[in-house]
Amino acid sequence: MLVIHSPLGALHLIAALAAVILGAIVFRSRKATRWHRRVGYGYAATMLATNVSALCIFGLSGTFNMLHGFAILSLSSLAFGMMPVLRGRPEGIRFDQHLKFMSWSYIGLIAALVAESATRIGMPILVANGYTPRPWFWALVGLASFLVAGVGALILRRQEPGLQRYRPRPRANRGETVDAASS
């Protein structure tokens, strides 16, 4: 049974689930298209809502904890991934920055999903068998996050050469003439 403890928790859950879906669409769709940009902005907005709401939730420990640190890390990844886009079409190093930081933003989101699922499923089993909840909770969060980040890094490394086909070509190679006075 799903228990929502507050409207803020509901917002966090809905935004996170929307980000999972939109992120999957962005990563599976053709890049550098209007569709990619529109869904990508939706992903960025839902990630912003997810992380800001996470920073406002203190029910687990009553204070700032490791999960808040992950939310700040996620916001940083999102910001660094969106900066090249907000400056115009990402080219060169800005393309690489966008690709890597947005990929890590999604990997982090999936790590959080798996960690949350592991604790929701694993903790009742551990507690029912007499284990103390607090250390096992953090162990499950850490293990799930570490495993997803490792698998994500491997997938990203394998997929990166294929994603380079979306790298914008230098303007001179697009059939445009480069004005000598502007260079």
C-alpha atoms as a PDB file:
ATOM      1  CA  MET A   1       0.000   0.000   0.000  1.00  0.00           C
ATOM      2  CA  LEU A   2       1.337   3.426  -0.958  1.00  0.00           C
ATOM      3  CA  VAL A   3       1.254   5.971   1.847  1.00  0.00           C
ATOM      4  CA  ILE A   4       1.644   9.658   1.044  1.00  0.00           C
ATOM      5  CA  HIS A   5       2.447  11.601   4.218  1.00  0.00           C
ATOM      6  CA  SER A   6       1.949  15.148   2.931  1.00  0.00           C
ATOM      7  CA  PRO A   7       1.055  17.241  -0.120  1.00  0.00           C
ATOM      8  CA  LEU A   8       4.777  17.999  -0.475  1.00  0.00           C
ATOM      9  CA  GLY A   9       5.496  14.261  -0.538  1.00  0.00           C
ATOM     10  CA  ALA A  10       2.819  13.806  -3.209  1.00  0.00           C
ATOM     11  CA  LEU A  11       4.354  16.594  -5.311  1.00  0.00           C
ATOM     12  CA  HIS A  12       7.775  14.982  -4.923  1.00  0.00           C
ATOM     13  CA  LEU A  13       6.472  11.555  -5.970  1.00  0.00           C
ATOM     14  CA  ILE A  14       4.499  12.847  -8.973  1.00  0.00           C
ATOM     15  CA  ALA A  15       7.362  15.052 -10.190  1.00  0.00           C
ATOM     16  CA  ALA A  16       9.867  12.203  -9.811  1.00  0.00           C
ATOM     17  CA  LEU A  17       7.682   9.725 -11.710  1.00  0.00           C
ATOM     18  CA  ALA A  18       7.092  12.289 -14.467  1.00  0.00           C
ATOM     19  CA  ALA A  19      10.859  12.883 -14.661  1.00  0.00           C
ATOM     20  CA  VAL A  20      11.506   9.129 -14.997  1.00  0.00           C
ATOM     21  CA  ILE A  21       9.048   8.912 -17.895  1.00  0.00           C
ATOM     22  CA  LEU A  22      10.116  12.137 -19.628  1.00  0.00           C
ATOM     23  CA  GLY A  23      13.798  11.298 -19.172  1.00  0.00           C
ATOM     24  CA  ALA A  24      13.286   7.893 -20.789  1.00  0.00           C
ATOM     25  CA  ILE A  25      11.511   9.548 -23.718  1.00  0.00           C
ATOM     26  CA  VAL A  26      14.319  12.099 -24.114  1.00  0.00           C
ATOM     27  CA  PHE A  27      17.013   9.435 -24.090  1.00  0.00           C
ATOM     28  CA  ARG A  28      15.160   7.163 -26.505  1.00  0.00           C
ATOM     29  CA  SER A  29      14.122   9.885 -28.957  1.00  0.00           C
ATOM     30  CA  ARG A  30      16.081  11.388 -31.807  1.00  0.00           C
ATOM     31  CA  LYS A  31      18.335  14.181 -30.559  1.00  0.00           C
ATOM     32  CA  ALA A  32      18.579  17.807 -31.725  1.00  0.00           C
ATOM     33  CA  THR A  33      14.919  17.963 -32.755  1.00  0.00           C
ATOM     34  CA  ARG A  34      12.081  20.188 -31.610  1.00  0.00           C
ATOM     35  CA  TRP A  35      10.529  17.140 -29.879  1.00  0.00           C
ATOM     36  CA  HIS A  36      13.791  16.452 -27.980  1.00  0.00           C
ATOM     37  CA  ARG A  37      13.945  20.074 -26.812  1.00  0.00           C
ATOM     38  CA  ARG A  38      10.301  20.196 -25.699  1.00  0.00           C
ATOM     39  CA  VAL A  39      10.376  16.925 -23.800  1.00  0.00           C
ATOM     40  CA  GLY A  40      13.830  17.836 -22.463  1.00  0.00           C
ATOM     41  CA  TYR A  41      12.503  21.079 -20.986  1.00  0.00           C
ATOM     42  CA  GLY A  42       9.685  19.051 -19.415  1.00  0.00           C
ATOM     43  CA  TYR A  43      12.262  16.688 -17.935  1.00  0.00           C
ATOM     44  CA  ALA A  44      14.272  19.635 -16.583  1.00  0.00           C
ATOM     45  CA  ALA A  45      11.162  21.194 -15.015  1.00  0.00           C
ATOM     46  CA  THR A  46      10.093  17.956 -13.344  1.00  0.00           C
ATOM     47  CA  MET A  47      13.635  17.363 -12.085  1.00  0.00           C
ATOM     48  CA  LEU A  48      13.695  20.871 -10.653  1.00  0.00           C
ATOM     49  CA  ALA A  49      10.386  20.209  -8.867  1.00  0.00           C
ATOM     50  CA  THR A  50      11.642  16.822  -7.650  1.00  0.00           C
ATOM     51  CA  ASN A  51      14.844  18.232  -6.186  1.00  0.00           C
ATOM     52  CA  VAL A  52      13.371  21.390  -4.671  1.00  0.00           C
ATOM     53  CA  SER A  53      10.646  19.336  -2.999  1.00  0.00           C
ATOM     54  CA  ALA A  54      13.277  16.848  -1.768  1.00  0.00           C
ATOM     55  CA  LEU A  55      15.173  19.692  -0.127  1.00  0.00           C
ATOM     56  CA  CYS A  56      12.003  20.619   1.782  1.00  0.00           C
ATOM     57  CA  ILE A  57      11.298  17.127   3.149  1.00  0.00           C
ATOM     58  CA  PHE A  58      12.773  16.392   6.578  1.00  0.00           C
ATOM     59  CA  GLY A  59      10.527  13.560   7.808  1.00  0.00           C
ATOM     60  CA  LEU A  60      13.219  10.877   7.679  1.00  0.00           C
ATOM     61  CA  SER A  61      15.735  12.368  10.101  1.00  0.00           C
ATOM     62  CA  GLY A  62      14.332  15.754  11.090  1.00  0.00           C
ATOM     63  CA  THR A  63      17.437  17.431   9.723  1.00  0.00           C
ATOM     64  CA  PHE A  64      19.614  17.775   6.636  1.00  0.00           C
ATOM     65  CA  ASN A  65      20.906  14.330   5.653  1.00  0.00           C
ATOM     66  CA  MET A  66      22.669  12.455   2.854  1.00  0.00           C
ATOM     67  CA  LEU A  67      19.511  12.450   0.706  1.00  0.00           C
ATOM     68  CA  HIS A  68      19.476  16.249   0.734  1.00  0.00           C
ATOM     69  CA  GLY A  69      23.103  16.125  -0.390  1.00  0.00           C
ATOM     70  CA  PHE A  70      22.062  13.907  -3.306  1.00  0.00           C
ATOM     71  CA  ALA A  71      19.328  16.431  -4.201  1.00  0.00           C
ATOM     72  CA  ILE A  72      21.925  19.219  -4.299  1.00  0.00           C
ATOM     73  CA  LEU A  73      24.193  17.030  -6.452  1.00  0.00           C
ATOM     74  CA  SER A  74      21.253  16.331  -8.765  1.00  0.00           C
ATOM     75  CA  LEU A  75      20.403  20.037  -9.025  1.00  0.00           C
ATOM     76  CA  SER A  76      24.043  20.753  -9.883  1.00  0.00           C
ATOM     77  CA  SER A  77      24.062  18.103 -12.600  1.00  0.00           C
ATOM     78  CA  LEU A  78      20.813  19.472 -14.009  1.00  0.00           C
ATOM     79  CA  ALA A  79      22.103  23.060 -13.960  1.00  0.00           C
ATOM     80  CA  PHE A  80      25.403  22.179 -15.652  1.00  0.00           C
ATOM     81  CA  GLY A  81      23.525  20.092 -18.231  1.00  0.00           C
ATOM     82  CA  MET A  82      21.050  22.852 -19.028  1.00  0.00           C
ATOM     83  CA  MET A  83      23.513  25.763 -19.184  1.00  0.00           C
ATOM     84  CA  PRO A  84      24.737  24.906 -22.706  1.00  0.00           C
ATOM     85  CA  VAL A  85      21.145  24.635 -23.932  1.00  0.00           C
ATOM     86  CA  LEU A  86      20.136  27.964 -22.436  1.00  0.00           C
ATOM     87  CA  ARG A  87      23.058  29.593 -24.269  1.00  0.00           C
ATOM     88  CA  GLY A  88      21.839  28.334 -27.647  1.00  0.00           C
ATOM     89  CA  ARG A  89      22.400  25.128 -29.559  1.00  0.00           C
ATOM     90  CA  PRO A  90      25.157  23.182 -27.782  1.00  0.00           C
ATOM     91  CA  GLU A  91      28.226  22.780 -29.970  1.00  0.00           C
ATOM     92  CA  GLY A  92      31.715  21.465 -29.286  1.00  0.00           C
ATOM     93  CA  ILE A  93      32.545  21.292 -25.606  1.00  0.00           C
ATOM     94  CA  ARG A  94      29.084  22.619 -24.716  1.00  0.00           C
ATOM     95  CA  PHE A  95      27.568  19.607 -26.501  1.00  0.00           C
ATOM     96  CA  ASP A  96      29.772  17.246 -24.471  1.00  0.00           C
ATOM     97  CA  GLN A  97      28.860  19.091 -21.259  1.00  0.00           C
ATOM     98  CA  HIS A  98      25.136  18.844 -22.031  1.00  0.00           C
ATOM     99  CA  LEU A  99      25.385  15.153 -22.934  1.00  0.00           C
ATOM    100  CA  LYS A 100      27.364  14.110 -19.854  1.00  0.00           C
ATOM    101  CA  PHE A 101      25.576  16.166 -17.216  1.00  0.00           C
ATOM    102  CA  MET A 102      22.074  15.356 -18.471  1.00  0.00           C
ATOM    103  CA  SER A 103      22.998  11.670 -18.670  1.00  0.00           C
ATOM    104  CA  TRP A 104      24.243  11.757 -15.084  1.00  0.00           C
ATOM    105  CA  SER A 105      21.120  13.631 -14.051  1.00  0.00           C
ATOM    106  CA  TYR A 106      19.021  10.725 -15.321  1.00  0.00           C
ATOM    107  CA  ILE A 107      21.345   8.076 -13.878  1.00  0.00           C
ATOM    108  CA  GLY A 108      21.040   9.798 -10.492  1.00  0.00           C
ATOM    109  CA  LEU A 109      17.253   9.840 -10.798  1.00  0.00           C
ATOM    110  CA  ILE A 110      17.179   6.109 -11.542  1.00  0.00           C
ATOM    111  CA  ALA A 111      19.578   5.486  -8.632  1.00  0.00           C
ATOM    112  CA  ALA A 112      17.164   7.341  -6.337  1.00  0.00           C
ATOM    113  CA  LEU A 113      14.224   5.328  -7.707  1.00  0.00           C
ATOM    114  CA  VAL A 114      16.023   2.028  -7.117  1.00  0.00           C
ATOM    115  CA  ALA A 115      17.204   3.098  -3.651  1.00  0.00           C
ATOM    116  CA  GLU A 116      13.679   4.175  -2.694  1.00  0.00           C
ATOM    117  CA  SER A 117      12.234   0.921  -4.019  1.00  0.00           C
ATOM    118  CA  ALA A 118      14.880  -1.163  -2.238  1.00  0.00           C
ATOM    119  CA  THR A 119      14.119   0.489   1.088  1.00  0.00           C
ATOM    120  CA  ARG A 120      10.329   0.271   0.625  1.00  0.00           C
ATOM    121  CA  ILE A 121      10.581  -3.436  -0.156  1.00  0.00           C
ATOM    122  CA  GLY A 122      13.640  -4.434   1.858  1.00  0.00           C
ATOM    123  CA  MET A 123      13.094  -2.578   5.123  1.00  0.00           C
ATOM    124  CA  PRO A 124       9.826  -4.271   6.121  1.00  0.00           C
ATOM    125  CA  ILE A 125      11.450  -7.649   5.473  1.00  0.00           C
ATOM    126  CA  LEU A 126      14.546  -6.788   7.526  1.00  0.00           C
ATOM    127  CA  VAL A 127      12.535  -5.310  10.412  1.00  0.00           C
ATOM    128  CA  ALA A 128      10.200  -8.343  10.441  1.00  0.00           C
ATOM    129  CA  ASN A 129      13.287 -10.526  10.853  1.00  0.00           C
ATOM    130  CA  GLY A 130      14.580  -8.548  13.830  1.00  0.00           C
ATOM    131  CA  TYR A 131      17.130  -6.237  12.186  1.00  0.00           C
ATOM    132  CA  THR A 132      17.594  -2.666  13.430  1.00  0.00           C
ATOM    133  CA  PRO A 133      16.139  -0.335  10.771  1.00  0.00           C
ATOM    134  CA  ARG A 134      18.472   2.696  10.699  1.00  0.00           C
ATOM    135  CA  PRO A 135      21.833   1.154   9.668  1.00  0.00           C
ATOM    136  CA  TRP A 136      20.146  -1.174   7.187  1.00  0.00           C
ATOM    137  CA  PHE A 137      18.212   1.689   5.631  1.00  0.00           C
ATOM    138  CA  TRP A 138      21.403   3.605   4.846  1.00  0.00           C
ATOM    139  CA  ALA A 139      23.145   0.416   3.698  1.00  0.00           C
ATOM    140  CA  LEU A 140      20.313  -0.292   1.219  1.00  0.00           C
ATOM    141  CA  VAL A 141      20.329   3.312  -0.036  1.00  0.00           C
ATOM    142  CA  GLY A 142      24.103   3.275  -0.488  1.00  0.00           C
ATOM    143  CA  LEU A 143      24.262  -0.149  -2.147  1.00  0.00           C
ATOM    144  CA  ALA A 144      21.387   0.547  -4.551  1.00  0.00           C
ATOM    145  CA  SER A 145      22.777   3.969  -5.478  1.00  0.00           C
ATOM    146  CA  PHE A 146      26.297   2.628  -5.977  1.00  0.00           C
ATOM    147  CA  LEU A 147      25.123  -0.277  -8.159  1.00  0.00           C
ATOM    148  CA  VAL A 148      22.903   1.896 -10.362  1.00  0.00           C
ATOM    149  CA  ALA A 149      25.630   4.534 -10.764  1.00  0.00           C
ATOM    150  CA  GLY A 150      28.114   1.810 -11.758  1.00  0.00           C
ATOM    151  CA  VAL A 151      25.768   0.241 -14.288  1.00  0.00           C
ATOM    152  CA  GLY A 152      24.821   3.703 -15.560  1.00  0.00           C
ATOM    153  CA  ALA A 153      28.481   4.602 -16.071  1.00  0.00           C
ATOM    154  CA  LEU A 154      29.029   1.415 -18.080  1.00  0.00           C
ATOM    155  CA  ILE A 155      25.957   2.038 -20.239  1.00  0.00           C
ATOM    156  CA  LEU A 156      26.948   5.660 -20.776  1.00  0.00           C
ATOM    157  CA  ARG A 157      30.446   4.620 -21.830  1.00  0.00           C
ATOM    158  CA  ARG A 158      29.002   2.122 -24.332  1.00  0.00           C
ATOM    159  CA  GLN A 159      26.414   4.571 -25.700  1.00  0.00           C
ATOM    160  CA  GLU A 160      28.624   7.655 -25.959  1.00  0.00           C
ATOM    161  CA  PRO A 161      30.177   6.876 -29.362  1.00  0.00           C
ATOM    162  CA  GLY A 162      26.710   6.456 -30.879  1.00  0.00           C
ATOM    163  CA  LEU A 163      25.516   9.731 -29.348  1.00  0.00           C
ATOM    164  CA  GLN A 164      28.387  11.590 -30.977  1.00  0.00           C
ATOM    165  CA  ARG A 165      26.514  11.387 -34.288  1.00  0.00           C
ATOM    166  CA  TYR A 166      24.298  14.139 -32.903  1.00  0.00           C
ATOM    167  CA  ARG A 167      27.291  16.423 -32.347  1.00  0.00           C
ATOM    168  CA  PRO A 168      26.694  19.544 -34.425  1.00  0.00           C
ATOM    169  CA  ARG A 169      29.216  20.001 -37.187  1.00  0.00           C
ATOM    170  CA  PRO A 170      31.271  23.181 -37.262  1.00  0.00           C
ATOM    171  CA  ARG A 171      29.454  25.910 -39.175  1.00  0.00           C
ATOM    172  CA  ALA A 172      31.968  25.896 -42.050  1.00  0.00           C
ATOM    173  CA  ASN A 173      31.149  22.208 -42.688  1.00  0.00           C
ATOM    174  CA  ARG A 174      27.390  22.762 -42.898  1.00  0.00           C
ATOM    175  CA  GLY A 175      27.600  24.218 -46.365  1.00  0.00           C
ATOM    176  CA  GLU A 176      27.630  27.758 -45.027  1.00  0.00           C
ATOM    177  CA  THR A 177      30.288  30.189 -46.060  1.00  0.00           C
ATOM    178  CA  VAL A 178      32.351  31.708 -43.303  1.00  0.00           C
ATOM    179  CA  ASP A 179      32.706  35.446 -43.699  1.00  0.00           C
ATOM    180  CA  ALA A 180      36.387  36.411 -43.434  1.00  0.00           C
ATOM    181  CA  ALA A 181      35.507  39.692 -41.748  1.00  0.00           C
ATOM    182  CA  SER A 182      33.642  37.934 -38.902  1.00  0.00           C
ATOM    183  CA  SER A 183      36.484  35.540 -38.084  1.00  0.00           C
END
